[in-house]
């Protein structure tokens, strides 16, 4: 089931549209929702690498 990144225009964000995480794009709405729920904002800095590096990193982590 795609998350809210399925409608993103960024190729990086689209790579994560099938993740089981409720990702939000950078927006005032995301920060307002975090404030409303009293949650911290966890920021992804856009890490991306080759397929095998990514698979190995996820497997070994």
PDB file of N, CA and C in Angstrom:
ATOM      1  N   UNK A   1       0.847  -1.176   0.000  1.00  0.00           N
ATOM      2  CA  UNK A   1       0.000   0.000   0.000  1.00  0.00           C
ATOM      3  C   UNK A   1       0.890   1.235   0.000  1.00  0.00           C
ATOM      4  N   UNK A   2       0.761   2.099  -0.977  1.00  0.00           N
ATOM      5  CA  UNK A   2       1.604   3.295  -1.018  1.00  0.00           C
ATOM      6  C   UNK A   2       1.304   4.244   0.141  1.00  0.00           C
ATOM      7  N   UNK A   3       2.330   4.980   0.558  1.00  0.00           N
ATOM      8  CA  UNK A   3       2.132   6.009   1.573  1.00  0.00           C
ATOM      9  C   UNK A   3       1.915   7.350   0.872  1.00  0.00           C
ATOM     10  N   UNK A   4       1.911   8.434   1.616  1.00  0.00           N
ATOM     11  CA  UNK A   4       1.598   9.741   1.024  1.00  0.00           C
ATOM     12  C   UNK A   4       2.663  10.237   0.049  1.00  0.00           C
ATOM     13  N   UNK A   5       3.835   9.583  -0.011  1.00  0.00           N
ATOM     14  CA  UNK A   5       4.863   9.991  -0.965  1.00  0.00           C
ATOM     15  C   UNK A   5       4.552   9.545  -2.388  1.00  0.00           C
ATOM     16  N   UNK A   6       3.530   8.737  -2.578  1.00  0.00           N
ATOM     17  CA  UNK A   6       3.158   8.272  -3.914  1.00  0.00           C
ATOM     18  C   UNK A   6       2.805   9.437  -4.839  1.00  0.00           C
ATOM     19  N   UNK A   7       2.439  10.576  -4.276  1.00  0.00           N
ATOM     20  CA  UNK A   7       2.095  11.737  -5.108  1.00  0.00           C
ATOM     21  C   UNK A   7       3.247  12.739  -5.206  1.00  0.00           C
ATOM     22  N   UNK A   8       4.423  12.395  -4.685  1.00  0.00           N
ATOM     23  CA  UNK A   8       5.579  13.294  -4.727  1.00  0.00           C
ATOM     24  C   UNK A   8       6.106  13.427  -6.158  1.00  0.00           C
ATOM     25  N   UNK A   9       6.793  14.507  -6.416  1.00  0.00           N
ATOM     26  CA  UNK A   9       7.411  14.691  -7.727  1.00  0.00           C
ATOM     27  C   UNK A   9       8.905  14.374  -7.693  1.00  0.00           C
ATOM     28  N   UNK A  10       9.488  14.300  -6.528  1.00  0.00           N
ATOM     29  CA  UNK A  10      10.911  14.015  -6.374  1.00  0.00           C
ATOM     30  C   UNK A  10      11.205  12.540  -6.633  1.00  0.00           C
ATOM     31  N   UNK A  11      12.155  12.221  -7.518  1.00  0.00           N
ATOM     32  CA  UNK A  11      12.516  10.816  -7.748  1.00  0.00           C
ATOM     33  C   UNK A  11      12.986  10.125  -6.473  1.00  0.00           C
ATOM     34  N   UNK A  12      13.705  10.847  -5.599  1.00  0.00           N
ATOM     35  CA  UNK A  12      14.150  10.254  -4.332  1.00  0.00           C
ATOM     36  C   UNK A  12      12.951   9.883  -3.465  1.00  0.00           C
ATOM     37  N   UNK A  13      12.011  10.787  -3.317  1.00  0.00           N
ATOM     38  CA  UNK A  13      10.849  10.502  -2.473  1.00  0.00           C
ATOM     39  C   UNK A  13      10.006   9.373  -3.050  1.00  0.00           C
ATOM     40  N   UNK A  14       9.884   9.337  -4.357  1.00  0.00           N
ATOM     41  CA  UNK A  14       9.098   8.271  -4.989  1.00  0.00           C
ATOM     42  C   UNK A  14       9.687   6.886  -4.719  1.00  0.00           C
ATOM     43  N   UNK A  15      11.016   6.797  -4.505  1.00  0.00           N
ATOM     44  CA  UNK A  15      11.639   5.518  -4.161  1.00  0.00           C
ATOM     45  C   UNK A  15      11.081   4.957  -2.861  1.00  0.00           C
ATOM     46  N   UNK A  16      10.543   5.816  -2.009  1.00  0.00           N
ATOM     47  CA  UNK A  16      10.080   5.421  -0.684  1.00  0.00           C
ATOM     48  C   UNK A  16       8.563   5.394  -0.557  1.00  0.00           C
ATOM     49  N   UNK A  17       7.883   5.493  -1.683  1.00  0.00           N
ATOM     50  CA  UNK A  17       6.415   5.532  -1.677  1.00  0.00           C
ATOM     51  C   UNK A  17       5.783   4.216  -1.236  1.00  0.00           C
ATOM     52  N   UNK A  18       6.530   3.124  -1.285  1.00  0.00           N
ATOM     53  CA  UNK A  18       5.990   1.822  -0.866  1.00  0.00           C
ATOM     54  C   UNK A  18       6.470   1.415   0.524  1.00  0.00           C
ATOM     55  N   UNK A  19       7.255   2.274   1.186  1.00  0.00           N
ATOM     56  CA  UNK A  19       7.734   1.960   2.542  1.00  0.00           C
ATOM     57  C   UNK A  19       6.563   1.907   3.510  1.00  0.00           C
ATOM     58  N   UNK A  20       6.641   1.031   4.516  1.00  0.00           N
ATOM     59  CA  UNK A  20       5.563   0.969   5.513  1.00  0.00           C
ATOM     60  C   UNK A  20       5.711   2.053   6.587  1.00  0.00           C
ATOM     61  N   UNK A  21       6.126   3.231   6.171  1.00  0.00           N
ATOM     62  CA  UNK A  21       6.318   4.370   7.071  1.00  0.00           C
ATOM     63  C   UNK A  21       5.415   5.493   6.577  1.00  0.00           C
ATOM     64  N   UNK A  22       4.805   6.209   7.491  1.00  0.00           N
ATOM     65  CA  UNK A  22       3.924   7.311   7.119  1.00  0.00           C
ATOM     66  C   UNK A  22       4.748   8.571   6.886  1.00  0.00           C
ATOM     67  N   UNK A  23       5.578   8.553   5.822  1.00  0.00           N
ATOM     68  CA  UNK A  23       6.432   9.690   5.501  1.00  0.00           C
ATOM     69  C   UNK A  23       5.597  10.899   5.067  1.00  0.00           C
ATOM     70  N   UNK A  24       6.086  12.067   5.393  1.00  0.00           N
ATOM     71  CA  UNK A  24       5.498  13.331   4.923  1.00  0.00           C
ATOM     72  C   UNK A  24       6.576  14.102   4.183  1.00  0.00           C
ATOM     73  N   UNK A  25       6.193  14.801   3.128  1.00  0.00           N
ATOM     74  CA  UNK A  25       7.127  15.734   2.502  1.00  0.00           C
ATOM     75  C   UNK A  25       7.281  16.938   3.426  1.00  0.00           C
ATOM     76  N   UNK A  26       8.385  17.676   3.248  1.00  0.00           N
ATOM     77  CA  UNK A  26       8.625  18.892   4.023  1.00  0.00           C
ATOM     78  C   UNK A  26       7.496  19.866   3.734  1.00  0.00           C
ATOM     79  N   UNK A  27       6.734  20.201   4.761  1.00  0.00           N
ATOM     80  CA  UNK A  27       5.623  21.136   4.565  1.00  0.00           C
ATOM     81  C   UNK A  27       5.166  21.668   5.912  1.00  0.00           C
ATOM     82  N   UNK A  28       4.485  22.786   5.870  1.00  0.00           N
ATOM     83  CA  UNK A  28       3.926  23.344   7.097  1.00  0.00           C
ATOM     84  C   UNK A  28       2.900  22.388   7.703  1.00  0.00           C
ATOM     85  N   UNK A  29       2.174  21.668   6.845  1.00  0.00           N
ATOM     86  CA  UNK A  29       1.176  20.702   7.343  1.00  0.00           C
ATOM     87  C   UNK A  29       1.837  19.590   8.147  1.00  0.00           C
ATOM     88  N   UNK A  30       3.007  19.141   7.711  1.00  0.00           N
ATOM     89  CA  UNK A  30       3.725  18.095   8.449  1.00  0.00           C
ATOM     90  C   UNK A  30       4.115  18.585   9.838  1.00  0.00           C
ATOM     91  N   UNK A  31       4.635  19.814   9.914  1.00  0.00           N
ATOM     92  CA  UNK A  31       5.029  20.366  11.203  1.00  0.00           C
ATOM     93  C   UNK A  31       3.822  20.647  12.088  1.00  0.00           C
ATOM     94  N   UNK A  32       2.735  21.103  11.500  1.00  0.00           N
ATOM     95  CA  UNK A  32       1.509  21.350  12.275  1.00  0.00           C
ATOM     96  C   UNK A  32       0.979  20.042  12.855  1.00  0.00           C
ATOM     97  N   UNK A  33       1.025  18.968  12.070  1.00  0.00           N
ATOM     98  CA  UNK A  33       0.563  17.669  12.563  1.00  0.00           C
ATOM     99  C   UNK A  33       1.449  17.163  13.697  1.00  0.00           C
ATOM    100  N   UNK A  34       2.754  17.344  13.568  1.00  0.00           N
ATOM    101  CA  UNK A  34       3.673  16.946  14.644  1.00  0.00           C
ATOM    102  C   UNK A  34       3.388  17.742  15.920  1.00  0.00           C
ATOM    103  N   UNK A  35       3.159  19.044  15.780  1.00  0.00           N
ATOM    104  CA  UNK A  35       2.823  19.867  16.958  1.00  0.00           C
ATOM    105  C   UNK A  35       1.512  19.405  17.581  1.00  0.00           C
ATOM    106  N   UNK A  36       0.516  19.166  16.735  1.00  0.00           N
ATOM    107  CA  UNK A  36      -0.799  18.754  17.229  1.00  0.00           C
ATOM    108  C   UNK A  36      -0.708  17.450  18.017  1.00  0.00           C
ATOM    109  N   UNK A  37       0.120  16.514  17.527  1.00  0.00           N
ATOM    110  CA  UNK A  37       0.233  15.205  18.164  1.00  0.00           C
ATOM    111  C   UNK A  37       1.345  15.146  19.216  1.00  0.00           C
ATOM    112  N   UNK A  38       2.109  16.231  19.351  1.00  0.00           N
ATOM    113  CA  UNK A  38       3.202  16.255  20.327  1.00  0.00           C
ATOM    114  C   UNK A  38       4.320  15.290  19.983  1.00  0.00           C
ATOM    115  N   UNK A  39       4.613  15.151  18.685  1.00  0.00           N
ATOM    116  CA  UNK A  39       5.627  14.205  18.230  1.00  0.00           C
ATOM    117  C   UNK A  39       6.856  14.937  17.701  1.00  0.00           C
ATOM    118  N   UNK A  40       8.036  14.327  17.826  1.00  0.00           N
ATOM    119  CA  UNK A  40       9.220  14.928  17.212  1.00  0.00           C
ATOM    120  C   UNK A  40       9.181  14.739  15.700  1.00  0.00           C
ATOM    121  N   UNK A  41       9.912  15.566  14.972  1.00  0.00           N
ATOM    122  CA  UNK A  41      10.041  15.430  13.523  1.00  0.00           C
ATOM    123  C   UNK A  41      11.374  14.735  13.259  1.00  0.00           C
ATOM    124  N   UNK A  42      11.331  13.605  12.582  1.00  0.00           N
ATOM    125  CA  UNK A  42      12.539  12.892  12.184  1.00  0.00           C
ATOM    126  C   UNK A  42      12.799  13.226  10.726  1.00  0.00           C
ATOM    127  N   UNK A  43      13.946  13.760  10.435  1.00  0.00           N
ATOM    128  CA  UNK A  43      14.259  14.278   9.111  1.00  0.00           C
ATOM    129  C   UNK A  43      15.184  13.337   8.361  1.00  0.00           C
ATOM    130  N   UNK A  44      14.793  12.940   7.166  1.00  0.00           N
ATOM    131  CA  UNK A  44      15.659  12.176   6.278  1.00  0.00           C
ATOM    132  C   UNK A  44      16.423  13.167   5.425  1.00  0.00           C
ATOM    133  N   UNK A  45      17.736  13.015   5.362  1.00  0.00           N
ATOM    134  CA  UNK A  45      18.564  13.954   4.604  1.00  0.00           C
ATOM    135  C   UNK A  45      18.740  13.528   3.155  1.00  0.00           C
ATOM    136  N   UNK A  46      18.047  12.494   2.732  1.00  0.00           N
ATOM    137  CA  UNK A  46      18.080  12.109   1.333  1.00  0.00           C
ATOM    138  C   UNK A  46      19.155  11.113   0.982  1.00  0.00           C
ATOM    139  N   UNK A  47      19.480  10.210   1.875  1.00  0.00           N
ATOM    140  CA  UNK A  47      20.499   9.185   1.591  1.00  0.00           C
ATOM    141  C   UNK A  47      20.046   8.306   0.441  1.00  0.00           C
ATOM    142  N   UNK A  48      20.925   8.082  -0.513  1.00  0.00           N
ATOM    143  CA  UNK A  48      20.643   7.191  -1.629  1.00  0.00           C
ATOM    144  C   UNK A  48      21.965   6.628  -2.115  1.00  0.00           C
ATOM    145  N   UNK A  49      21.955   5.403  -2.567  1.00  0.00           N
ATOM    146  CA  UNK A  49      23.182   4.791  -3.068  1.00  0.00           C
ATOM    147  C   UNK A  49      22.827   3.723  -4.083  1.00  0.00           C
ATOM    148  N   UNK A  50      23.810   2.979  -4.496  1.00  0.00           N
ATOM    149  CA  UNK A  50      23.553   1.916  -5.458  1.00  0.00           C
ATOM    150  C   UNK A  50      22.666   0.843  -4.821  1.00  0.00           C
ATOM    151  N   UNK A  51      22.020   0.056  -5.637  1.00  0.00           N
ATOM    152  CA  UNK A  51      21.100  -0.967  -5.145  1.00  0.00           C
ATOM    153  C   UNK A  51      21.773  -1.906  -4.156  1.00  0.00           C
ATOM    154  N   UNK A  52      22.942  -2.437  -4.486  1.00  0.00           N
ATOM    155  CA  UNK A  52      23.576  -3.436  -3.617  1.00  0.00           C
ATOM    156  C   UNK A  52      24.071  -2.819  -2.324  1.00  0.00           C
ATOM    157  N   UNK A  53      24.538  -1.600  -2.360  1.00  0.00           N
ATOM    158  CA  UNK A  53      24.941  -0.929  -1.112  1.00  0.00           C
ATOM    159  C   UNK A  53      23.716  -0.754  -0.216  1.00  0.00           C
ATOM    160  N   UNK A  54      22.616  -0.366  -0.811  1.00  0.00           N
ATOM    161  CA  UNK A  54      21.373  -0.161  -0.058  1.00  0.00           C
ATOM    162  C   UNK A  54      20.880  -1.473   0.535  1.00  0.00           C
ATOM    163  N   UNK A  55      20.868  -2.545  -0.261  1.00  0.00           N
ATOM    164  CA  UNK A  55      20.406  -3.853   0.215  1.00  0.00           C
ATOM    165  C   UNK A  55      21.311  -4.347   1.340  1.00  0.00           C
ATOM    166  N   UNK A  56      22.619  -4.235   1.156  1.00  0.00           N
ATOM    167  CA  UNK A  56      23.561  -4.687   2.175  1.00  0.00           C
ATOM    168  C   UNK A  56      23.402  -3.871   3.453  1.00  0.00           C
ATOM    169  N   UNK A  57      23.260  -2.582   3.308  1.00  0.00           N
ATOM    170  CA  UNK A  57      23.102  -1.717   4.480  1.00  0.00           C
ATOM    171  C   UNK A  57      21.845  -2.096   5.261  1.00  0.00           C
ATOM    172  N   UNK A  58      20.740  -2.332   4.557  1.00  0.00           N
ATOM    173  CA  UNK A  58      19.507  -2.697   5.245  1.00  0.00           C
ATOM    174  C   UNK A  58      19.606  -4.073   5.871  1.00  0.00           C
ATOM    175  N   UNK A  59      20.312  -4.991   5.218  1.00  0.00           N
ATOM    176  CA  UNK A  59      20.433  -6.348   5.731  1.00  0.00           C
ATOM    177  C   UNK A  59      21.322  -6.393   6.962  1.00  0.00           C
ATOM    178  N   UNK A  60      22.403  -5.626   6.953  1.00  0.00           N
ATOM    179  CA  UNK A  60      23.367  -5.688   8.042  1.00  0.00           C
ATOM    180  C   UNK A  60      23.013  -4.786   9.211  1.00  0.00           C
ATOM    181  N   UNK A  61      22.158  -3.826   9.010  1.00  0.00           N
ATOM    182  CA  UNK A  61      21.815  -2.887  10.071  1.00  0.00           C
ATOM    183  C   UNK A  61      20.981  -3.533  11.142  1.00  0.00           C
TER     184      UNK A  61
END
